[in-house]
């Protein structure tokens, strides 16, 4: 795993801390554990899936759904980060 530069230099978790472990947990089939590790993992995956689809399927406009998943992912990232900082 790559170390978090923010955590290593400043001792503070970043918004992306846990995503590598969550991806590994997904690949191992531990879906619930992946969510607990990084709550934005599923919306982020959908975000990237629709970005990929938009490159392949030029006949449709995926802008609104990409913006929706991007916004929802950002909100989940910030809320879960604040929860982690305040509760722990």
Protein backbone atom coordinates (compact mmCIF):
# COMPACT_ATOMS: atom_id res chain seq x y z
CA UNK A 1 0.00 0.00 0.00
CA UNK A 2 1.13 3.52 -0.70
CA UNK A 3 1.53 5.58 2.46
CA UNK A 4 -0.60 8.68 2.90
CA UNK A 5 1.68 11.69 2.50
CA UNK A 6 -0.57 13.91 4.60
CA UNK A 7 -0.65 11.42 7.45
CA UNK A 8 3.08 10.76 7.21
CA UNK A 9 4.13 14.41 7.17
CA UNK A 10 1.48 16.06 9.34
CA UNK A 11 -0.10 13.17 11.27
CA UNK A 12 -3.54 14.06 9.86
CA UNK A 13 -5.73 11.77 7.75
CA UNK A 14 -6.71 13.09 4.34
CA UNK A 15 -10.08 12.72 2.59
CA UNK A 16 -8.76 9.73 0.67
CA UNK A 17 -7.33 7.76 3.59
CA UNK A 18 -8.73 4.24 3.44
CA UNK A 19 -9.57 4.07 -0.25
CA UNK A 20 -6.74 1.67 -1.12
CA UNK A 21 -7.77 -0.72 1.63
CA UNK A 22 -11.42 -0.39 0.60
CA UNK A 23 -10.55 -1.34 -2.99
CA UNK A 24 -8.61 -4.38 -1.76
CA UNK A 25 -11.57 -5.37 0.42
CA UNK A 26 -13.88 -5.05 -2.61
CA UNK A 27 -11.61 -7.28 -4.66
CA UNK A 28 -11.66 -9.82 -1.83
CA UNK A 29 -15.46 -9.74 -1.77
CA UNK A 30 -15.74 -7.98 1.60
CA UNK A 31 -18.38 -5.46 0.48
CA UNK A 32 -19.58 -4.37 3.91
CA UNK A 33 -16.05 -4.01 5.25
CA UNK A 34 -15.14 -1.91 2.20
CA UNK A 35 -18.03 0.44 2.94
CA UNK A 36 -16.99 0.78 6.58
CA UNK A 37 -13.40 1.41 5.53
CA UNK A 38 -14.34 4.13 3.01
CA UNK A 39 -18.05 5.04 2.77
CA UNK A 40 -17.74 6.83 -0.57
CA UNK A 41 -16.35 3.77 -2.37
CA UNK A 42 -19.54 2.74 -4.16
CA UNK A 43 -20.59 6.19 -5.35
CA UNK A 44 -17.02 6.83 -6.45
CA UNK A 45 -16.98 3.62 -8.46
CA UNK A 46 -20.27 4.58 -10.13
CA UNK A 47 -18.82 8.02 -10.84
CA UNK A 48 -15.82 6.49 -12.63
CA UNK A 49 -17.98 3.91 -14.42
CA UNK A 50 -20.15 6.66 -15.90
CA UNK A 51 -17.08 8.67 -16.89
CA UNK A 52 -15.81 5.59 -18.72
CA UNK A 53 -19.19 5.01 -20.36
CA UNK A 54 -19.30 8.64 -21.50
CA UNK A 55 -15.99 8.15 -23.35
CA UNK A 56 -17.29 5.03 -25.09
CA UNK A 57 -20.89 6.11 -25.78
CA UNK A 58 -20.71 9.50 -27.46
CA UNK A 59 -24.35 9.40 -28.57
CA UNK A 60 -25.72 10.21 -25.09
CA UNK A 61 -24.99 13.01 -22.67
CA UNK A 62 -23.92 11.70 -19.27
CA UNK A 63 -23.04 15.12 -17.84
CA UNK A 64 -25.91 15.30 -15.34
CA UNK A 65 -25.42 11.82 -13.90
CA UNK A 66 -21.64 12.34 -13.67
CA UNK A 67 -22.20 15.61 -11.83
CA UNK A 68 -24.71 13.92 -9.53
CA UNK A 69 -22.37 11.07 -8.58
CA UNK A 70 -19.43 13.47 -8.27
CA UNK A 71 -21.39 15.71 -5.90
CA UNK A 72 -22.76 12.81 -3.84
CA UNK A 73 -19.26 11.31 -3.59
CA UNK A 74 -17.76 14.61 -2.46
CA UNK A 75 -20.46 15.08 0.18
CA UNK A 76 -20.00 11.54 1.50
CA UNK A 77 -16.22 12.03 1.60
CA UNK A 78 -16.48 15.26 3.58
CA UNK A 79 -19.15 13.99 5.99
CA UNK A 80 -17.29 10.74 6.68
CA UNK A 81 -14.01 12.65 7.15
CA UNK A 82 -15.62 15.04 9.62
CA UNK A 83 -17.21 12.10 11.43
CA UNK A 84 -13.83 10.37 11.66
CA UNK A 85 -12.11 13.52 12.93
CA UNK A 86 -14.81 14.45 15.46
CA UNK A 87 -15.69 10.99 16.81
CA UNK A 88 -12.21 9.45 16.83
